[in-house]
Amino acid sequence: MLQVLLAVAELSGARRHPAPLVNGAGDISTGRSVKRMDSFELEPGYSTGEIPGKCIKCLAEQELYNCLRELLGGESENKEMQQRYEMLLAFLKSPESQRLRDESEKYLAEGRKVTLRLSFADGKPKYELNIG
């Protein structure tokens, strides 16, 4: 839990999408094999005078804090929420996050739908920008 609090001190909404669990990488804290969240998505929106939107970074930060609130308020350990938190934190610390943010904002300004899928592949975070 101390790691979670330290990570939040280092960083400052996202829609929640249910994600299936699959066998995957090991638990960072114990090194044991655990079921790992497959993926989840963030759907940024373009802000206009009438419609407020949020960039990918803002959505990731909002979801990070939602996860933290749930983890700190929960009576039992929630592995899926911990894994979601880890994925979001990895994304926000990633050098790729700024590039993906810039690219998504360009497409949003063109009126296109943008979705960022966060996942783990071979124990490493993976980010995929889908343009509709």
N, C-alpha and C. Protein backbone atom coordinates (compact mmCIF):
# COMPACT_ATOMS: atom_id res chain seq x y z
N MET A 1 0.82 -1.18 0.00
CA MET A 1 0.00 0.00 0.00
C MET A 1 0.87 1.26 0.00
N LEU A 2 2.06 1.17 0.61
CA LEU A 2 2.95 2.31 0.64
C LEU A 2 3.39 2.68 -0.77
N GLN A 3 3.61 1.68 -1.63
CA GLN A 3 3.99 1.95 -3.02
C GLN A 3 2.90 2.76 -3.72
N VAL A 4 1.66 2.43 -3.46
CA VAL A 4 0.54 3.12 -4.07
C VAL A 4 0.54 4.58 -3.65
N LEU A 5 0.72 4.83 -2.38
CA LEU A 5 0.70 6.19 -1.87
C LEU A 5 1.88 7.01 -2.41
N LEU A 6 3.06 6.38 -2.51
CA LEU A 6 4.22 7.08 -3.04
C LEU A 6 4.03 7.41 -4.52
N ALA A 7 3.42 6.51 -5.26
CA ALA A 7 3.19 6.75 -6.69
C ALA A 7 2.21 7.90 -6.88
N VAL A 8 1.20 7.99 -6.05
CA VAL A 8 0.23 9.08 -6.17
C VAL A 8 0.89 10.40 -5.82
N ALA A 9 1.76 10.41 -4.86
CA ALA A 9 2.45 11.64 -4.51
C ALA A 9 3.31 12.12 -5.67
N GLU A 10 3.81 11.20 -6.48
CA GLU A 10 4.65 11.54 -7.62
C GLU A 10 3.83 12.09 -8.78
N LEU A 11 2.61 11.63 -8.99
CA LEU A 11 1.77 12.05 -10.11
C LEU A 11 0.62 12.95 -9.63
N SER A 12 0.01 13.64 -10.35
CA SER A 12 -1.18 14.41 -9.95
C SER A 12 -2.46 13.69 -10.32
N GLY A 13 -10.53 10.96 -15.73
CA GLY A 13 -11.66 10.10 -15.82
C GLY A 13 -11.53 9.21 -17.00
N ALA A 14 -11.61 8.42 -16.54
CA ALA A 14 -11.72 7.47 -17.65
C ALA A 14 -12.99 6.69 -17.48
N ARG A 15 -13.53 6.28 -18.58
CA ARG A 15 -14.67 5.39 -18.48
C ARG A 15 -14.15 4.03 -18.10
N ARG A 16 -14.89 3.39 -17.27
CA ARG A 16 -14.48 2.05 -16.87
C ARG A 16 -15.05 1.04 -17.84
N HIS A 17 -14.19 0.20 -18.30
CA HIS A 17 -14.59 -0.88 -19.20
C HIS A 17 -14.23 -2.19 -18.53
N PRO A 18 -15.18 -3.08 -18.38
CA PRO A 18 -14.83 -4.35 -17.77
C PRO A 18 -13.81 -5.07 -18.64
N ALA A 19 -12.84 -5.65 -17.98
CA ALA A 19 -11.80 -6.36 -18.72
C ALA A 19 -11.70 -7.79 -18.20
N PRO A 20 -11.63 -8.75 -19.09
CA PRO A 20 -11.50 -10.12 -18.64
C PRO A 20 -10.11 -10.38 -18.09
N LEU A 21 -10.01 -11.34 -17.21
CA LEU A 21 -8.73 -11.74 -16.67
C LEU A 21 -8.20 -12.93 -17.45
N VAL A 22 -6.91 -12.95 -17.67
CA VAL A 22 -6.27 -14.07 -18.36
C VAL A 22 -5.03 -14.44 -17.59
N ASN A 23 -4.52 -15.64 -17.80
CA ASN A 23 -3.26 -16.02 -17.18
C ASN A 23 -2.16 -15.17 -17.79
N GLY A 24 -1.28 -14.67 -16.97
CA GLY A 24 -0.27 -13.79 -17.53
C GLY A 24 0.92 -13.65 -16.62
N ALA A 25 1.43 -12.45 -16.56
CA ALA A 25 2.67 -12.16 -15.86
C ALA A 25 2.52 -12.34 -14.36
N GLY A 26 3.65 -12.31 -13.69
CA GLY A 26 3.67 -12.50 -12.25
C GLY A 26 3.32 -11.24 -11.50
N ASP A 27 2.95 -11.42 -10.26
CA ASP A 27 2.65 -10.31 -9.37
C ASP A 27 3.97 -9.62 -9.03
N ILE A 28 4.01 -8.31 -9.20
CA ILE A 28 5.24 -7.56 -8.98
C ILE A 28 5.70 -7.67 -7.53
N SER A 29 4.77 -7.62 -6.59
CA SER A 29 5.16 -7.61 -5.18
C SER A 29 5.59 -8.99 -4.66
N THR A 30 5.03 -10.06 -5.21
CA THR A 30 5.35 -11.38 -4.69
C THR A 30 6.14 -12.24 -5.66
N GLY A 31 6.12 -11.91 -6.95
CA GLY A 31 6.81 -12.71 -7.95
C GLY A 31 6.05 -13.95 -8.36
N ARG A 32 4.88 -14.18 -7.77
CA ARG A 32 4.08 -15.36 -8.10
C ARG A 32 3.26 -15.12 -9.34
N SER A 33 2.93 -16.19 -10.02
CA SER A 33 2.08 -16.08 -11.19
C SER A 33 0.65 -15.79 -10.73
N VAL A 34 0.04 -14.80 -11.36
CA VAL A 34 -1.34 -14.44 -11.02
C VAL A 34 -2.11 -14.22 -12.30
N LYS A 35 -3.43 -14.17 -12.17
CA LYS A 35 -4.24 -13.81 -13.33
C LYS A 35 -4.05 -12.32 -13.57
N ARG A 36 -3.82 -11.96 -14.81
CA ARG A 36 -3.52 -10.58 -15.17
C ARG A 36 -4.65 -10.03 -16.02
N MET A 37 -5.04 -8.80 -15.74
CA MET A 37 -6.06 -8.13 -16.52
C MET A 37 -5.59 -8.09 -17.97
N ASP A 38 -6.48 -8.42 -18.88
CA ASP A 38 -6.12 -8.44 -20.30
C ASP A 38 -5.87 -7.01 -20.79
N SER A 39 -6.89 -6.18 -20.73
CA SER A 39 -6.73 -4.80 -21.19
C SER A 39 -7.95 -3.98 -20.77
N PHE A 40 -7.83 -2.69 -20.94
CA PHE A 40 -8.97 -1.80 -20.80
C PHE A 40 -8.70 -0.58 -21.65
N GLU A 41 -9.72 0.24 -21.86
CA GLU A 41 -9.62 1.35 -22.79
C GLU A 41 -9.93 2.68 -22.13
N LEU A 42 -9.30 3.71 -22.67
CA LEU A 42 -9.61 5.10 -22.33
C LEU A 42 -10.14 5.74 -23.60
N GLU A 43 -11.23 6.50 -23.46
CA GLU A 43 -11.84 7.16 -24.61
C GLU A 43 -11.83 8.67 -24.40
N PRO A 44 -10.80 9.35 -24.92
CA PRO A 44 -10.74 10.80 -24.75
C PRO A 44 -11.79 11.49 -25.60
N GLY A 45 -12.09 12.72 -25.25
CA GLY A 45 -13.06 13.51 -26.00
C GLY A 45 -12.51 14.89 -26.28
N TYR A 46 -12.92 15.46 -27.39
CA TYR A 46 -12.48 16.80 -27.78
C TYR A 46 -13.38 17.83 -27.12
N SER A 47 -12.80 18.86 -26.54
CA SER A 47 -13.57 19.91 -25.88
C SER A 47 -14.05 20.94 -26.89
N THR A 48 -15.31 21.30 -26.77
CA THR A 48 -15.86 22.42 -27.54
C THR A 48 -16.52 23.37 -26.55
N GLY A 49 -17.11 24.42 -27.06
CA GLY A 49 -17.79 25.38 -26.18
C GLY A 49 -18.95 24.76 -25.44
N GLU A 50 -19.62 23.78 -26.06
CA GLU A 50 -20.79 23.16 -25.46
C GLU A 50 -20.48 21.82 -24.78
N ILE A 51 -19.45 21.14 -25.24
CA ILE A 51 -19.17 19.79 -24.75
C ILE A 51 -17.77 19.72 -24.13
N PRO A 52 -17.67 19.42 -22.84
CA PRO A 52 -16.34 19.28 -22.25
C PRO A 52 -15.74 17.91 -22.61
N GLY A 53 -14.47 17.90 -22.89
CA GLY A 53 -13.77 16.66 -23.19
C GLY A 53 -12.54 16.54 -22.31
N LYS A 54 -11.91 15.40 -22.39
CA LYS A 54 -10.68 15.18 -21.62
C LYS A 54 -9.67 14.48 -22.50
N CYS A 55 -8.40 14.87 -22.33
CA CYS A 55 -7.33 14.22 -23.08
C CYS A 55 -6.99 12.88 -22.41
N ILE A 56 -6.16 12.13 -23.08
CA ILE A 56 -5.78 10.81 -22.57
C ILE A 56 -5.10 10.92 -21.21
N LYS A 57 -4.22 11.91 -21.04
CA LYS A 57 -3.52 12.05 -19.77
C LYS A 57 -4.50 12.34 -18.64
N CYS A 58 -5.44 13.25 -18.89
CA CYS A 58 -6.43 13.59 -17.86
C CYS A 58 -7.30 12.39 -17.49
N LEU A 59 -7.69 11.62 -18.51
CA LEU A 59 -8.49 10.41 -18.25
C LEU A 59 -7.70 9.39 -17.45
N ALA A 60 -6.43 9.20 -17.81
CA ALA A 60 -5.59 8.23 -17.10
C ALA A 60 -5.39 8.66 -15.65
N GLU A 61 -5.16 9.94 -15.42
CA GLU A 61 -5.00 10.43 -14.05
C GLU A 61 -6.28 10.27 -13.25
N GLN A 62 -7.43 10.58 -13.87
CA GLN A 62 -8.71 10.42 -13.18
C GLN A 62 -8.94 8.96 -12.82
N GLU A 63 -8.69 8.06 -13.74
CA GLU A 63 -8.88 6.63 -13.47
C GLU A 63 -7.89 6.14 -12.42
N LEU A 64 -6.67 6.66 -12.44
CA LEU A 64 -5.66 6.31 -11.44
C LEU A 64 -6.17 6.64 -10.04
N TYR A 65 -6.74 7.83 -9.88
CA TYR A 65 -7.26 8.24 -8.58
C TYR A 65 -8.52 7.45 -8.20
N ASN A 66 -9.34 7.11 -9.18
CA ASN A 66 -10.50 6.26 -8.89
C ASN A 66 -10.04 4.90 -8.36
N CYS A 67 -9.01 4.35 -8.99
CA CYS A 67 -8.46 3.07 -8.53
C CYS A 67 -7.90 3.20 -7.12
N LEU A 68 -7.17 4.26 -6.88
CA LEU A 68 -6.57 4.47 -5.57
C LEU A 68 -7.65 4.58 -4.50
N ARG A 69 -8.69 5.36 -4.78
CA ARG A 69 -9.79 5.50 -3.80
C ARG A 69 -10.41 4.14 -3.49
N GLU A 70 -10.63 3.36 -4.52
CA GLU A 70 -11.23 2.04 -4.31
C GLU A 70 -10.29 1.12 -3.55
N LEU A 71 -9.01 1.17 -3.87
CA LEU A 71 -8.04 0.31 -3.18
C LEU A 71 -7.90 0.70 -1.71
N LEU A 72 -7.88 1.99 -1.42
CA LEU A 72 -7.73 2.44 -0.04
C LEU A 72 -9.01 2.24 0.77
N GLY A 73 -10.16 2.29 0.10
CA GLY A 73 -11.43 2.14 0.81
C GLY A 73 -11.92 0.72 0.92
N GLY A 74 -11.33 -0.18 0.14
CA GLY A 74 -11.79 -1.57 0.12
C GLY A 74 -11.33 -2.34 1.34
N GLU A 75 -12.18 -3.27 1.74
CA GLU A 75 -11.84 -4.10 2.89
C GLU A 75 -11.01 -5.30 2.49
N SER A 76 -11.12 -5.74 1.25
CA SER A 76 -10.32 -6.87 0.79
C SER A 76 -9.47 -6.43 -0.38
N GLU A 77 -8.44 -7.23 -0.68
CA GLU A 77 -7.57 -6.90 -1.80
C GLU A 77 -8.30 -7.15 -3.10
N ASN A 78 -8.18 -6.24 -4.02
CA ASN A 78 -8.80 -6.34 -5.32
C ASN A 78 -7.68 -6.38 -6.36
N LYS A 79 -7.30 -7.59 -6.79
CA LYS A 79 -6.18 -7.77 -7.71
C LYS A 79 -6.42 -7.07 -9.04
N GLU A 80 -7.64 -7.13 -9.56
CA GLU A 80 -7.93 -6.48 -10.84
C GLU A 80 -7.73 -4.97 -10.73
N MET A 81 -8.17 -4.38 -9.64
CA MET A 81 -8.01 -2.93 -9.45
C MET A 81 -6.53 -2.58 -9.27
N GLN A 82 -5.77 -3.41 -8.59
CA GLN A 82 -4.34 -3.18 -8.43
C GLN A 82 -3.64 -3.23 -9.78
N GLN A 83 -4.03 -4.17 -10.61
CA GLN A 83 -3.42 -4.30 -11.94
C GLN A 83 -3.79 -3.13 -12.83
N ARG A 84 -5.02 -2.67 -12.75
CA ARG A 84 -5.45 -1.50 -13.52
C ARG A 84 -4.62 -0.29 -13.08
N TYR A 85 -4.44 -0.16 -11.77
CA TYR A 85 -3.64 0.94 -11.23
C TYR A 85 -2.20 0.87 -11.77
N GLU A 86 -1.60 -0.33 -11.75
CA GLU A 86 -0.24 -0.51 -12.26
C GLU A 86 -0.14 -0.13 -13.74
N MET A 87 -1.13 -0.52 -14.53
CA MET A 87 -1.12 -0.22 -15.96
C MET A 87 -1.22 1.29 -16.19
N LEU A 88 -2.08 1.96 -15.45
CA LEU A 88 -2.23 3.40 -15.60
C LEU A 88 -0.97 4.15 -15.16
N LEU A 89 -0.40 3.72 -14.07
CA LEU A 89 0.82 4.36 -13.58
C LEU A 89 1.96 4.18 -14.58
N ALA A 90 2.09 2.97 -15.13
CA ALA A 90 3.12 2.71 -16.14
C ALA A 90 2.90 3.61 -17.35
N PHE A 91 1.65 3.77 -17.77
CA PHE A 91 1.36 4.63 -18.92
C PHE A 91 1.74 6.07 -18.64
N LEU A 92 1.34 6.60 -17.49
CA LEU A 92 1.61 8.00 -17.17
C LEU A 92 3.11 8.28 -17.04
N LYS A 93 3.89 7.29 -16.62
CA LYS A 93 5.33 7.46 -16.51
C LYS A 93 6.06 7.20 -17.83
N SER A 94 5.38 6.60 -18.77
CA SER A 94 5.98 6.19 -20.04
C SER A 94 6.33 7.38 -20.92
N PRO A 95 7.47 7.31 -21.62
CA PRO A 95 7.80 8.36 -22.58
C PRO A 95 6.82 8.37 -23.77
N GLU A 96 6.14 7.27 -24.01
CA GLU A 96 5.17 7.18 -25.10
C GLU A 96 3.91 7.99 -24.82
N SER A 97 3.61 8.27 -23.57
CA SER A 97 2.34 8.91 -23.22
C SER A 97 2.18 10.28 -23.89
N GLN A 98 3.23 11.08 -23.95
CA GLN A 98 3.12 12.40 -24.58
C GLN A 98 2.88 12.26 -26.08
N ARG A 99 3.58 11.34 -26.74
CA ARG A 99 3.40 11.14 -28.17
C ARG A 99 1.97 10.69 -28.47
N LEU A 100 1.47 9.75 -27.68
CA LEU A 100 0.10 9.26 -27.88
C LEU A 100 -0.93 10.35 -27.60
N ARG A 101 -0.65 11.17 -26.62
CA ARG A 101 -1.55 12.29 -26.31
C ARG A 101 -1.61 13.27 -27.48
N ASP A 102 -0.46 13.64 -28.00
CA ASP A 102 -0.41 14.56 -29.14
C ASP A 102 -1.12 13.98 -30.36
N GLU A 103 -0.86 12.71 -30.63
CA GLU A 103 -1.47 12.06 -31.79
C GLU A 103 -2.99 11.98 -31.64
N SER A 104 -3.45 11.62 -30.44
CA SER A 104 -4.89 11.50 -30.22
C SER A 104 -5.59 12.86 -30.35
N GLU A 105 -4.96 13.91 -29.84
CA GLU A 105 -5.56 15.24 -29.93
C GLU A 105 -5.67 15.70 -31.38
N LYS A 106 -4.71 15.33 -32.20
CA LYS A 106 -4.77 15.67 -33.62
C LYS A 106 -6.00 15.02 -34.27
N TYR A 107 -6.23 13.73 -33.98
CA TYR A 107 -7.38 13.03 -34.56
C TYR A 107 -8.70 13.53 -33.97
N LEU A 108 -8.71 13.85 -32.69
CA LEU A 108 -9.92 14.39 -32.08
C LEU A 108 -10.30 15.73 -32.70
N ALA A 109 -9.31 16.55 -33.01
CA ALA A 109 -9.57 17.85 -33.64
C ALA A 109 -10.17 17.67 -35.03
N GLU A 110 -9.88 16.54 -35.67
CA GLU A 110 -10.44 16.24 -36.99
C GLU A 110 -11.85 15.65 -36.88
N GLY A 111 -12.33 15.44 -35.65
CA GLY A 111 -13.67 14.90 -35.44
C GLY A 111 -13.73 13.39 -35.43
N ARG A 112 -12.58 12.74 -35.31
CA ARG A 112 -12.56 11.28 -35.33
C ARG A 112 -12.64 10.74 -33.90
N LYS A 113 -13.12 9.51 -33.78
CA LYS A 113 -13.20 8.84 -32.47
C LYS A 113 -11.86 8.18 -32.18
N VAL A 114 -11.38 8.37 -30.95
CA VAL A 114 -10.08 7.84 -30.54
C VAL A 114 -10.26 6.98 -29.30
N THR A 115 -9.60 5.85 -29.29
CA THR A 115 -9.60 4.96 -28.12
C THR A 115 -8.18 4.50 -27.88
N LEU A 116 -7.74 4.55 -26.63
CA LEU A 116 -6.43 4.05 -26.25
C LEU A 116 -6.63 2.77 -25.46
N ARG A 117 -6.06 1.67 -25.94
CA ARG A 117 -6.12 0.39 -25.23
C ARG A 117 -4.82 0.20 -24.48
N LEU A 118 -4.92 -0.02 -23.17
CA LEU A 118 -3.77 -0.32 -22.33
C LEU A 118 -3.80 -1.80 -22.01
N SER A 119 -2.65 -2.46 -22.15
CA SER A 119 -2.59 -3.89 -21.86
C SER A 119 -1.17 -4.27 -21.46
N PHE A 120 -1.01 -5.52 -21.05
CA PHE A 120 0.30 -6.09 -20.79
C PHE A 120 0.54 -7.19 -21.80
N ALA A 121 1.71 -7.19 -22.42
CA ALA A 121 2.10 -8.26 -23.34
C ALA A 121 3.49 -8.72 -22.92
N ASP A 122 3.62 -10.00 -22.63
CA ASP A 122 4.89 -10.56 -22.17
C ASP A 122 5.43 -9.83 -20.95
N GLY A 123 4.53 -9.44 -20.06
CA GLY A 123 4.91 -8.78 -18.82
C GLY A 123 5.27 -7.31 -18.97
N LYS A 124 5.12 -6.75 -20.17
CA LYS A 124 5.44 -5.34 -20.41
C LYS A 124 4.19 -4.59 -20.84
N PRO A 125 4.08 -3.32 -20.45
CA PRO A 125 2.91 -2.53 -20.85
C PRO A 125 2.91 -2.30 -22.36
N LYS A 126 1.70 -2.29 -22.92
CA LYS A 126 1.52 -2.07 -24.36
C LYS A 126 0.39 -1.05 -24.52
N TYR A 127 0.59 -0.10 -25.44
CA TYR A 127 -0.40 0.94 -25.67
C TYR A 127 -0.75 0.95 -27.15
N GLU A 128 -2.06 0.92 -27.44
CA GLU A 128 -2.52 0.88 -28.81
C GLU A 128 -3.57 1.95 -29.02
N LEU A 129 -3.31 2.87 -29.94
CA LEU A 129 -4.24 3.94 -30.26
C LEU A 129 -5.11 3.49 -31.44
N ASN A 130 -6.41 3.45 -31.24
CA ASN A 130 -7.36 3.06 -32.30
C ASN A 130 -8.12 4.30 -32.74
N ILE A 131 -8.12 4.53 -34.05
CA ILE A 131 -8.78 5.69 -34.63
C ILE A 131 -10.00 5.23 -35.41
N GLY A 132 -11.16 5.82 -35.12
CA GLY A 132 -12.38 5.43 -35.81
C GLY A 132 -12.91 6.51 -36.72
